[in-house]
Amino acid sequence: MPHDLRVMVVTSALLVMCSPRQTKVVPRDDTDSSSDTDDKIDTDTDTAVEDTQTPIDTGPCANFQGQATPAEIAATPRADTNLEALARSMGTTLVADQVVYDRVVQDVGNIRSQYPDMSSITYFEADDGQVLLIGADSATFANMESGKYPAWDCPNALYEMTSFSVHSFYAQLTFEGSYEMELLGSEYSLLPGVDYAEPNRRVGDGPTICSTEDGPTYHYVFDNAYGDCFSGCIYHDFSYFTTDLNGTVTFHGMWSNSISVTPPSWVQQYGQC
């Protein structure tokens, strides 16, 4: 083979070997839209799920577990705070149960309507249900006042603390809702630097309503107490009622310690609250 021809063949072979690899392009078949449809369905589904998801609280209190849910906290205080306290006294939770509260409002309303003498008797609350008295050292009080006490940030937020003030030897926390303050106090007393946290208890005694849940039957004893109630009330006139799910009121009798020293069994069972 002539020298020039041999050079030309080798050069051509090198050009073929060093040329970029060509990718075969397959024309899109517009008639086959299954892939596009699947993609569109997947995308829309993902978007729908994301739109309906509840936002996740990622703040510093996201994992705080209180004694009531935010929904329960939002329900208090209720329209009748006195009967809310009565309903709360029937349970063991921080906030009154809504079903119990509704039943108590219905029952007490029916009793007062049918027996007007009971209208002036209300539930005597041992405390106001909204104030905690706190004892702590001066450094802890100073940090609380200056906003440098993060230990209580989460409970204060959940329980809707509305005001805080320091007095000579104690501090006072006020909350928006109506709570079982003994339970709330037991929680706040565990905070660092806190010596005690207790309800703002009332002094003395007075007329009251005792209520007991017994399945579908509710027992009510109206205690018309009088006579030196600042020291605990001397005289008590008890009236006993029961109600059923339909709101029917049944009167079972009354008893007064001013005319007899031996109370009936229902006073001991349902009239001591």
C-alpha atoms as a PDB file:
ATOM      1  CA  MET A   1       0.000   0.000   0.000  1.00  0.00           C
ATOM      2  CA  PRO A   2       1.385   3.411  -0.866  1.00  0.00           C
ATOM      3  CA  HIS A   3       2.678   5.401   2.094  1.00  0.00           C
ATOM      4  CA  ASP A   4       0.262   8.316   1.612  1.00  0.00           C
ATOM      5  CA  LEU A   5      -2.764   6.031   1.467  1.00  0.00           C
ATOM      6  CA  ARG A   6      -1.655   4.196   4.630  1.00  0.00           C
ATOM      7  CA  VAL A   7      -1.373   7.506   6.538  1.00  0.00           C
ATOM      8  CA  MET A   8      -4.853   8.530   5.433  1.00  0.00           C
ATOM      9  CA  VAL A   9      -6.408   5.246   6.663  1.00  0.00           C
ATOM     10  CA  VAL A  10      -4.728   5.492  10.089  1.00  0.00           C
ATOM     11  CA  THR A  11      -5.773   9.127  10.488  1.00  0.00           C
ATOM     12  CA  SER A  12      -9.400   8.296   9.685  1.00  0.00           C
ATOM     13  CA  ALA A  13      -9.385   5.476  12.232  1.00  0.00           C
ATOM     14  CA  LEU A  14      -8.070   7.789  14.941  1.00  0.00           C
ATOM     15  CA  LEU A  15     -10.756  10.359  14.196  1.00  0.00           C
ATOM     16  CA  VAL A  16     -13.459   7.720  14.617  1.00  0.00           C
ATOM     17  CA  MET A  17     -12.017   6.500  17.927  1.00  0.00           C
ATOM     18  CA  CYS A  18     -11.747  10.000  19.429  1.00  0.00           C
ATOM     19  CA  SER A  19     -15.127  11.351  18.298  1.00  0.00           C
ATOM     20  CA  PRO A  20     -17.763  11.954  21.098  1.00  0.00           C
ATOM     21  CA  ARG A  21     -20.194   9.101  21.701  1.00  0.00           C
ATOM     22  CA  GLN A  22     -23.518   9.813  20.113  1.00  0.00           C
ATOM     23  CA  THR A  23     -26.720   9.188  22.136  1.00  0.00           C
ATOM     24  CA  LYS A  24     -29.690   8.011  20.213  1.00  0.00           C
ATOM     25  CA  VAL A  25     -32.674  10.293  20.780  1.00  0.00           C
ATOM     26  CA  VAL A  26     -36.037   8.544  20.825  1.00  0.00           C
ATOM     27  CA  PRO A  27     -38.863  10.809  19.758  1.00  0.00           C
ATOM     28  CA  ARG A  28     -41.558  11.332  22.435  1.00  0.00           C
ATOM     29  CA  ASP A  29     -44.752   9.453  21.804  1.00  0.00           C
ATOM     30  CA  ASP A  30     -47.470  12.002  22.615  1.00  0.00           C
ATOM     31  CA  THR A  31     -50.078   9.295  22.516  1.00  0.00           C
ATOM     32  CA  ASP A  32     -48.579   7.590  25.604  1.00  0.00           C
ATOM     33  CA  SER A  33     -49.377   9.929  28.482  1.00  0.00           C
ATOM     34  CA  SER A  34     -49.422   7.352  31.274  1.00  0.00           C
ATOM     35  CA  SER A  35     -46.108   8.576  32.673  1.00  0.00           C
ATOM     36  CA  ASP A  36     -47.285  12.201  32.735  1.00  0.00           C
ATOM     37  CA  THR A  37     -50.588  11.187  34.302  1.00  0.00           C
ATOM     38  CA  ASP A  38     -48.868   9.175  37.026  1.00  0.00           C
ATOM     39  CA  ASP A  39     -46.531  12.057  37.777  1.00  0.00           C
ATOM     40  CA  LYS A  40     -49.435  14.480  37.986  1.00  0.00           C
ATOM     41  CA  ILE A  41     -51.425  12.243  40.334  1.00  0.00           C
ATOM     42  CA  ASP A  42     -48.436  11.721  42.603  1.00  0.00           C
ATOM     43  CA  THR A  43     -47.688  15.437  42.708  1.00  0.00           C
ATOM     44  CA  ASP A  44     -51.293  16.404  43.466  1.00  0.00           C
ATOM     45  CA  THR A  45     -51.580  13.758  46.175  1.00  0.00           C
ATOM     46  CA  ASP A  46     -48.417  14.909  47.890  1.00  0.00           C
ATOM     47  CA  THR A  47     -49.607  18.493  47.810  1.00  0.00           C
ATOM     48  CA  ALA A  48     -53.000  17.539  49.264  1.00  0.00           C
ATOM     49  CA  VAL A  49     -51.387  15.677  52.150  1.00  0.00           C
ATOM     50  CA  GLU A  50     -49.065  18.559  52.914  1.00  0.00           C
ATOM     51  CA  ASP A  51     -51.936  21.069  52.863  1.00  0.00           C
ATOM     52  CA  THR A  52     -53.975  19.111  55.420  1.00  0.00           C
ATOM     53  CA  GLN A  53     -51.193  18.331  57.856  1.00  0.00           C
ATOM     54  CA  THR A  54     -51.346  20.034  61.257  1.00  0.00           C
ATOM     55  CA  PRO A  55     -48.349  22.323  61.790  1.00  0.00           C
ATOM     56  CA  ILE A  56     -45.847  20.812  64.198  1.00  0.00           C
ATOM     57  CA  ASP A  57     -44.793  22.887  67.174  1.00  0.00           C
ATOM     58  CA  THR A  58     -41.010  22.888  67.136  1.00  0.00           C
ATOM     59  CA  GLY A  59     -40.573  25.567  69.791  1.00  0.00           C
ATOM     60  CA  PRO A  60     -38.937  25.067  73.192  1.00  0.00           C
ATOM     61  CA  CYS A  61     -42.254  23.899  74.703  1.00  0.00           C
ATOM     62  CA  ALA A  62     -43.092  21.390  71.955  1.00  0.00           C
ATOM     63  CA  ASN A  63     -42.514  18.395  74.244  1.00  0.00           C
ATOM     64  CA  PHE A  64     -43.967  19.919  77.419  1.00  0.00           C
ATOM     65  CA  GLN A  65     -46.600  17.675  78.977  1.00  0.00           C
ATOM     66  CA  GLY A  66     -48.971  19.577  81.266  1.00  0.00           C
ATOM     67  CA  GLN A  67     -51.940  18.456  83.326  1.00  0.00           C
ATOM     68  CA  ALA A  68     -54.465  19.449  80.655  1.00  0.00           C
ATOM     69  CA  THR A  69     -54.578  19.757  76.883  1.00  0.00           C
ATOM     70  CA  PRO A  70     -54.636  23.121  75.097  1.00  0.00           C
ATOM     71  CA  ALA A  71     -58.281  22.430  74.154  1.00  0.00           C
ATOM     72  CA  GLU A  72     -59.224  21.840  77.794  1.00  0.00           C
ATOM     73  CA  ILE A  73     -57.395  24.999  78.821  1.00  0.00           C
ATOM     74  CA  ALA A  74     -59.219  26.985  76.133  1.00  0.00           C
ATOM     75  CA  ALA A  75     -62.608  25.861  77.521  1.00  0.00           C
ATOM     76  CA  THR A  76     -62.062  27.604  80.868  1.00  0.00           C
ATOM     77  CA  PRO A  77     -63.270  29.856  82.401  1.00  0.00           C
ATOM     78  CA  ARG A  78     -66.843  28.904  81.558  1.00  0.00           C
ATOM     79  CA  ALA A  79     -69.953  31.047  81.682  1.00  0.00           C
ATOM     80  CA  ASP A  80     -70.856  30.059  85.263  1.00  0.00           C
ATOM     81  CA  THR A  81     -67.551  29.961  87.120  1.00  0.00           C
ATOM     82  CA  ASN A  82     -69.205  28.986  90.419  1.00  0.00           C
ATOM     83  CA  LEU A  83     -70.843  25.879  88.965  1.00  0.00           C
ATOM     84  CA  GLU A  84     -67.659  25.197  87.019  1.00  0.00           C
ATOM     85  CA  ALA A  85     -65.862  25.004  90.365  1.00  0.00           C
ATOM     86  CA  LEU A  86     -68.558  22.660  91.673  1.00  0.00           C
ATOM     87  CA  ALA A  87     -68.174  20.426  88.607  1.00  0.00           C
ATOM     88  CA  ARG A  88     -64.399  20.466  89.012  1.00  0.00           C
ATOM     89  CA  SER A  89     -64.727  19.405  92.662  1.00  0.00           C
ATOM     90  CA  MET A  90     -66.467  16.226  91.493  1.00  0.00           C
ATOM     91  CA  GLY A  91     -63.416  14.994  89.598  1.00  0.00           C
ATOM     92  CA  THR A  92     -59.672  14.623  89.993  1.00  0.00           C
ATOM     93  CA  THR A  93     -58.452  16.681  87.037  1.00  0.00           C
ATOM     94  CA  LEU A  94     -57.068  20.192  86.696  1.00  0.00           C
ATOM     95  CA  VAL A  95     -59.998  21.421  84.593  1.00  0.00           C
ATOM     96  CA  ALA A  96     -63.693  20.596  84.978  1.00  0.00           C
ATOM     97  CA  ASP A  97     -65.021  17.958  82.612  1.00  0.00           C
ATOM     98  CA  GLN A  98     -67.306  19.544  80.027  1.00  0.00           C
ATOM     99  CA  VAL A  99     -69.965  16.817  80.268  1.00  0.00           C
ATOM    100  CA  VAL A 100     -70.074  17.085  84.063  1.00  0.00           C
ATOM    101  CA  TYR A 101     -70.223  20.871  83.900  1.00  0.00           C
ATOM    102  CA  ASP A 102     -73.136  20.811  81.450  1.00  0.00           C
ATOM    103  CA  ARG A 103     -75.005  18.327  83.640  1.00  0.00           C
ATOM    104  CA  VAL A 104     -74.435  20.381  86.813  1.00  0.00           C
ATOM    105  CA  VAL A 105     -75.636  23.581  85.140  1.00  0.00           C
ATOM    106  CA  GLN A 106     -78.786  21.792  83.951  1.00  0.00           C
ATOM    107  CA  ASP A 107     -79.493  20.110  87.292  1.00  0.00           C
ATOM    108  CA  VAL A 108     -78.868  23.076  89.565  1.00  0.00           C
ATOM    109  CA  GLY A 109     -80.947  25.249  87.263  1.00  0.00           C
ATOM    110  CA  ASN A 110     -83.845  22.796  87.482  1.00  0.00           C
ATOM    111  CA  ILE A 111     -83.575  22.501  91.270  1.00  0.00           C
ATOM    112  CA  ARG A 112     -83.535  26.262  91.746  1.00  0.00           C
ATOM    113  CA  SER A 113     -86.463  26.666  89.378  1.00  0.00           C
ATOM    114  CA  GLN A 114     -88.600  24.109  91.235  1.00  0.00           C
ATOM    115  CA  TYR A 115     -87.383  25.001  94.737  1.00  0.00           C
ATOM    116  CA  PRO A 116     -86.777  28.787  94.806  1.00  0.00           C
ATOM    117  CA  ASP A 117     -85.429  28.677  98.378  1.00  0.00           C
ATOM    118  CA  MET A 118     -82.324  27.018  96.936  1.00  0.00           C
ATOM    119  CA  SER A 119     -81.600  29.940  94.585  1.00  0.00           C
ATOM    120  CA  SER A 120     -79.525  31.860  97.112  1.00  0.00           C
ATOM    121  CA  ILE A 121     -77.241  28.911  97.892  1.00  0.00           C
ATOM    122  CA  THR A 122     -74.061  28.676  95.833  1.00  0.00           C
ATOM    123  CA  TYR A 123     -71.006  26.450  95.945  1.00  0.00           C
ATOM    124  CA  PHE A 124     -68.481  27.625  98.550  1.00  0.00           C
ATOM    125  CA  GLU A 125     -65.123  27.467  96.815  1.00  0.00           C
ATOM    126  CA  ALA A 126     -62.146  26.695  99.032  1.00  0.00           C
ATOM    127  CA  ASP A 127     -60.066  29.047  96.868  1.00  0.00           C
ATOM    128  CA  ASP A 128     -60.619  31.350  93.912  1.00  0.00           C
ATOM    129  CA  GLY A 129     -59.368  28.825  91.324  1.00  0.00           C
ATOM    130  CA  GLN A 130     -57.134  31.373  89.606  1.00  0.00           C
ATOM    131  CA  VAL A 131     -54.364  32.474  91.971  1.00  0.00           C
ATOM    132  CA  LEU A 132     -51.244  30.666  93.169  1.00  0.00           C
ATOM    133  CA  LEU A 133     -49.153  31.949  96.057  1.00  0.00           C
ATOM    134  CA  ILE A 134     -45.473  31.103  95.622  1.00  0.00           C
ATOM    135  CA  GLY A 135     -42.610  31.148  98.095  1.00  0.00           C
ATOM    136  CA  ALA A 136     -39.031  31.319  96.834  1.00  0.00           C
ATOM    137  CA  ASP A 137     -35.664  32.882  97.569  1.00  0.00           C
ATOM    138  CA  SER A 138     -34.934  36.481  96.582  1.00  0.00           C
ATOM    139  CA  ALA A 139     -32.702  35.516  93.658  1.00  0.00           C
ATOM    140  CA  THR A 140     -35.472  33.371  92.154  1.00  0.00           C
ATOM    141  CA  PHE A 141     -38.016  36.173  92.569  1.00  0.00           C
ATOM    142  CA  ALA A 142     -35.590  38.596  90.893  1.00  0.00           C
ATOM    143  CA  ASN A 143     -35.152  36.250  87.920  1.00  0.00           C
ATOM    144  CA  MET A 144     -38.926  35.788  87.631  1.00  0.00           C
ATOM    145  CA  GLU A 145     -39.496  39.551  87.595  1.00  0.00           C
ATOM    146  CA  SER A 146     -36.754  40.212  85.056  1.00  0.00           C
ATOM    147  CA  GLY A 147     -37.882  37.468  82.690  1.00  0.00           C
ATOM    148  CA  LYS A 148     -34.769  35.374  83.320  1.00  0.00           C
ATOM    149  CA  TYR A 149     -36.509  32.329  84.771  1.00  0.00           C
ATOM    150  CA  PRO A 150     -37.069  29.944  81.823  1.00  0.00           C
ATOM    151  CA  ALA A 151     -38.100  27.051  84.084  1.00  0.00           C
ATOM    152  CA  TRP A 152     -41.689  28.284  84.192  1.00  0.00           C
ATOM    153  CA  ASP A 153     -42.055  29.527  80.616  1.00  0.00           C
ATOM    154  CA  CYS A 154     -43.823  26.388  79.353  1.00  0.00           C
ATOM    155  CA  PRO A 155     -46.377  25.981  82.174  1.00  0.00           C
ATOM    156  CA  ASN A 156     -47.054  29.716  82.152  1.00  0.00           C
ATOM    157  CA  ALA A 157     -47.791  29.556  78.437  1.00  0.00           C
ATOM    158  CA  LEU A 158     -49.979  26.439  78.610  1.00  0.00           C
ATOM    159  CA  TYR A 159     -51.983  27.515  81.665  1.00  0.00           C
ATOM    160  CA  GLU A 160     -52.301  31.103  80.419  1.00  0.00           C
ATOM    161  CA  MET A 161     -50.679  32.981  83.275  1.00  0.00           C
ATOM    162  CA  THR A 162     -51.919  36.598  83.051  1.00  0.00           C
ATOM    163  CA  SER A 163     -50.025  38.431  85.813  1.00  0.00           C
ATOM    164  CA  PHE A 164     -47.203  38.061  88.315  1.00  0.00           C
ATOM    165  CA  SER A 165     -46.373  40.224  91.307  1.00  0.00           C
ATOM    166  CA  VAL A 166     -43.912  39.960  94.187  1.00  0.00           C
ATOM    167  CA  HIS A 167     -44.910  40.976  97.705  1.00  0.00           C
ATOM    168  CA  SER A 168     -42.878  41.116 100.913  1.00  0.00           C
ATOM    169  CA  PHE A 169     -42.277  37.379 101.269  1.00  0.00           C
ATOM    170  CA  TYR A 170     -44.305  35.678  98.543  1.00  0.00           C
ATOM    171  CA  ALA A 171     -45.280  36.029  94.897  1.00  0.00           C
ATOM    172  CA  GLN A 172     -48.701  35.830  93.292  1.00  0.00           C
ATOM    173  CA  LEU A 173     -49.468  34.217  89.941  1.00  0.00           C
ATOM    174  CA  THR A 174     -52.872  34.786  88.345  1.00  0.00           C
ATOM    175  CA  PHE A 175     -54.226  32.597  85.548  1.00  0.00           C
ATOM    176  CA  GLU A 176     -56.940  33.118  82.959  1.00  0.00           C
ATOM    177  CA  GLY A 177     -58.791  29.858  83.565  1.00  0.00           C
ATOM    178  CA  SER A 178     -60.409  28.177  86.554  1.00  0.00           C
ATOM    179  CA  TYR A 179     -58.253  25.317  87.853  1.00  0.00           C
ATOM    180  CA  GLU A 180     -57.902  22.843  90.688  1.00  0.00           C
ATOM    181  CA  MET A 181     -55.200  24.928  92.326  1.00  0.00           C
ATOM    182  CA  GLU A 182     -53.931  22.182  94.626  1.00  0.00           C
ATOM    183  CA  LEU A 183     -52.908  20.226  91.520  1.00  0.00           C
ATOM    184  CA  LEU A 184     -51.401  23.259  89.824  1.00  0.00           C
ATOM    185  CA  GLY A 185     -49.548  24.178  93.004  1.00  0.00           C
ATOM    186  CA  SER A 186     -48.015  20.713  93.231  1.00  0.00           C
ATOM    187  CA  GLU A 187     -46.577  21.227  89.739  1.00  0.00           C
ATOM    188  CA  TYR A 188     -45.173  24.715  90.331  1.00  0.00           C
ATOM    189  CA  SER A 189     -43.702  23.714  93.695  1.00  0.00           C
ATOM    190  CA  LEU A 190     -41.270  21.445  91.830  1.00  0.00           C
ATOM    191  CA  LEU A 191     -39.713  24.327  89.904  1.00  0.00           C
ATOM    192  CA  PRO A 192     -36.106  25.195  90.826  1.00  0.00           C
ATOM    193  CA  GLY A 193     -35.807  27.759  93.610  1.00  0.00           C
ATOM    194  CA  VAL A 194     -39.488  27.472  94.588  1.00  0.00           C
ATOM    195  CA  ASP A 195     -40.187  26.573  98.213  1.00  0.00           C
ATOM    196  CA  TYR A 196     -43.961  26.190  97.923  1.00  0.00           C
ATOM    197  CA  ALA A 197     -46.893  26.955  95.619  1.00  0.00           C
ATOM    198  CA  GLU A 198     -50.381  26.863  97.087  1.00  0.00           C
ATOM    199  CA  PRO A 199     -53.925  28.124  96.434  1.00  0.00           C
ATOM    200  CA  ASN A 200     -55.162  31.488  97.636  1.00  0.00           C
ATOM    201  CA  ARG A 201     -57.476  29.891 100.188  1.00  0.00           C
ATOM    202  CA  ARG A 202     -60.621  31.546 101.488  1.00  0.00           C
ATOM    203  CA  VAL A 203     -61.191  32.137 105.195  1.00  0.00           C
ATOM    204  CA  GLY A 204     -64.153  30.666 107.077  1.00  0.00           C
ATOM    205  CA  ASP A 205     -67.082  28.768 105.649  1.00  0.00           C
ATOM    206  CA  GLY A 206     -70.540  29.426 104.257  1.00  0.00           C
ATOM    207  CA  PRO A 207     -73.578  28.008 102.470  1.00  0.00           C
ATOM    208  CA  THR A 208     -72.598  25.510  99.796  1.00  0.00           C
ATOM    209  CA  ILE A 209     -73.694  22.772  97.401  1.00  0.00           C
ATOM    210  CA  CYS A 210     -72.293  19.259  97.556  1.00  0.00           C
ATOM    211  CA  SER A 211     -72.584  17.143  94.410  1.00  0.00           C
ATOM    212  CA  THR A 212     -71.770  13.483  93.796  1.00  0.00           C
ATOM    213  CA  GLU A 213     -71.889  11.579  90.500  1.00  0.00           C
ATOM    214  CA  ASP A 214     -73.266   8.039  90.771  1.00  0.00           C
ATOM    215  CA  GLY A 215     -73.550   6.757  87.211  1.00  0.00           C
ATOM    216  CA  PRO A 216     -76.589   8.404  85.591  1.00  0.00           C
ATOM    217  CA  THR A 217     -77.755   9.677  88.994  1.00  0.00           C
ATOM    218  CA  TYR A 218     -76.386  12.890  90.485  1.00  0.00           C
ATOM    219  CA  HIS A 219     -76.802  13.618  94.200  1.00  0.00           C
ATOM    220  CA  TYR A 220     -77.074  17.226  95.407  1.00  0.00           C
ATOM    221  CA  VAL A 221     -77.157  18.453  98.985  1.00  0.00           C
ATOM    222  CA  PHE A 222     -77.819  22.178  99.423  1.00  0.00           C
ATOM    223  CA  ASP A 223     -76.402  23.341 102.753  1.00  0.00           C
ATOM    224  CA  ASN A 224     -77.884  26.610 103.998  1.00  0.00           C
ATOM    225  CA  ALA A 225     -75.189  27.329 106.586  1.00  0.00           C
ATOM    226  CA  TYR A 226     -75.305  30.310 108.958  1.00  0.00           C
ATOM    227  CA  GLY A 227     -74.169  31.529 112.368  1.00  0.00           C
ATOM    228  CA  ASP A 228     -70.568  32.772 112.763  1.00  0.00           C
ATOM    229  CA  CYS A 229     -69.461  31.398 109.394  1.00  0.00           C
ATOM    230  CA  PHE A 230     -66.187  33.264 109.677  1.00  0.00           C
ATOM    231  CA  SER A 231     -65.288  30.642 112.260  1.00  0.00           C
ATOM    232  CA  GLY A 232     -66.914  27.762 110.395  1.00  0.00           C
ATOM    233  CA  CYS A 233     -70.749  28.172 110.569  1.00  0.00           C
ATOM    234  CA  ILE A 234     -72.743  26.886 113.554  1.00  0.00           C
ATOM    235  CA  TYR A 235     -76.008  25.888 111.910  1.00  0.00           C
ATOM    236  CA  HIS A 236     -76.696  23.845 108.785  1.00  0.00           C
ATOM    237  CA  ASP A 237     -80.009  23.222 107.035  1.00  0.00           C
ATOM    238  CA  PHE A 238     -79.510  20.422 104.515  1.00  0.00           C
ATOM    239  CA  SER A 239     -81.815  19.685 101.548  1.00  0.00           C
ATOM    240  CA  TYR A 240     -81.259  16.536  99.491  1.00  0.00           C
ATOM    241  CA  PHE A 241     -82.064  16.081  95.774  1.00  0.00           C
ATOM    242  CA  THR A 242     -81.237  13.611  93.022  1.00  0.00           C
ATOM    243  CA  THR A 243     -81.488  14.033  89.261  1.00  0.00           C
ATOM    244  CA  ASP A 244     -81.465  11.658  86.298  1.00  0.00           C
ATOM    245  CA  LEU A 245     -80.266  11.978  82.716  1.00  0.00           C
ATOM    246  CA  ASN A 246     -83.570  13.535  81.672  1.00  0.00           C
ATOM    247  CA  GLY A 247     -83.153  16.321  84.208  1.00  0.00           C
ATOM    248  CA  THR A 248     -85.918  15.034  86.462  1.00  0.00           C
ATOM    249  CA  VAL A 249     -85.486  16.317  90.027  1.00  0.00           C
ATOM    250  CA  THR A 250     -86.445  14.211  93.048  1.00  0.00           C
ATOM    251  CA  PHE A 251     -86.561  15.767  96.521  1.00  0.00           C
ATOM    252  CA  HIS A 252     -85.650  13.340  99.315  1.00  0.00           C
ATOM    253  CA  GLY A 253     -86.020  15.534 102.392  1.00  0.00           C
ATOM    254  CA  MET A 254     -84.231  18.009 104.623  1.00  0.00           C
ATOM    255  CA  TRP A 255     -82.471  17.988 107.982  1.00  0.00           C
ATOM    256  CA  SER A 256     -81.186  20.738 110.317  1.00  0.00           C
ATOM    257  CA  ASN A 257     -78.642  20.369 113.085  1.00  0.00           C
ATOM    258  CA  SER A 258     -80.556  23.052 114.979  1.00  0.00           C
ATOM    259  CA  ILE A 259     -83.426  20.638 115.716  1.00  0.00           C
ATOM    260  CA  SER A 260     -81.701  17.232 115.828  1.00  0.00           C
ATOM    261  CA  VAL A 261     -78.298  15.894 116.710  1.00  0.00           C
ATOM    262  CA  THR A 262     -78.539  12.711 114.649  1.00  0.00           C
ATOM    263  CA  PRO A 263     -78.275  13.346 110.905  1.00  0.00           C
ATOM    264  CA  PRO A 264     -79.776  10.972 108.343  1.00  0.00           C
ATOM    265  CA  SER A 265     -77.382   8.761 106.393  1.00  0.00           C
ATOM    266  CA  TRP A 266     -77.593  10.905 103.257  1.00  0.00           C
ATOM    267  CA  VAL A 267     -76.073  13.876 105.100  1.00  0.00           C
ATOM    268  CA  GLN A 268     -73.012  11.818 105.945  1.00  0.00           C
ATOM    269  CA  GLN A 269     -72.827  10.242 102.477  1.00  0.00           C
ATOM    270  CA  TYR A 270     -73.566  13.187 100.201  1.00  0.00           C
ATOM    271  CA  GLY A 271     -73.544  16.345 102.335  1.00  0.00           C
ATOM    272  CA  GLN A 272     -69.893  16.518 103.420  1.00  0.00           C
ATOM    273  CA  CYS A 273     -67.910  18.453 100.836  1.00  0.00           C
END
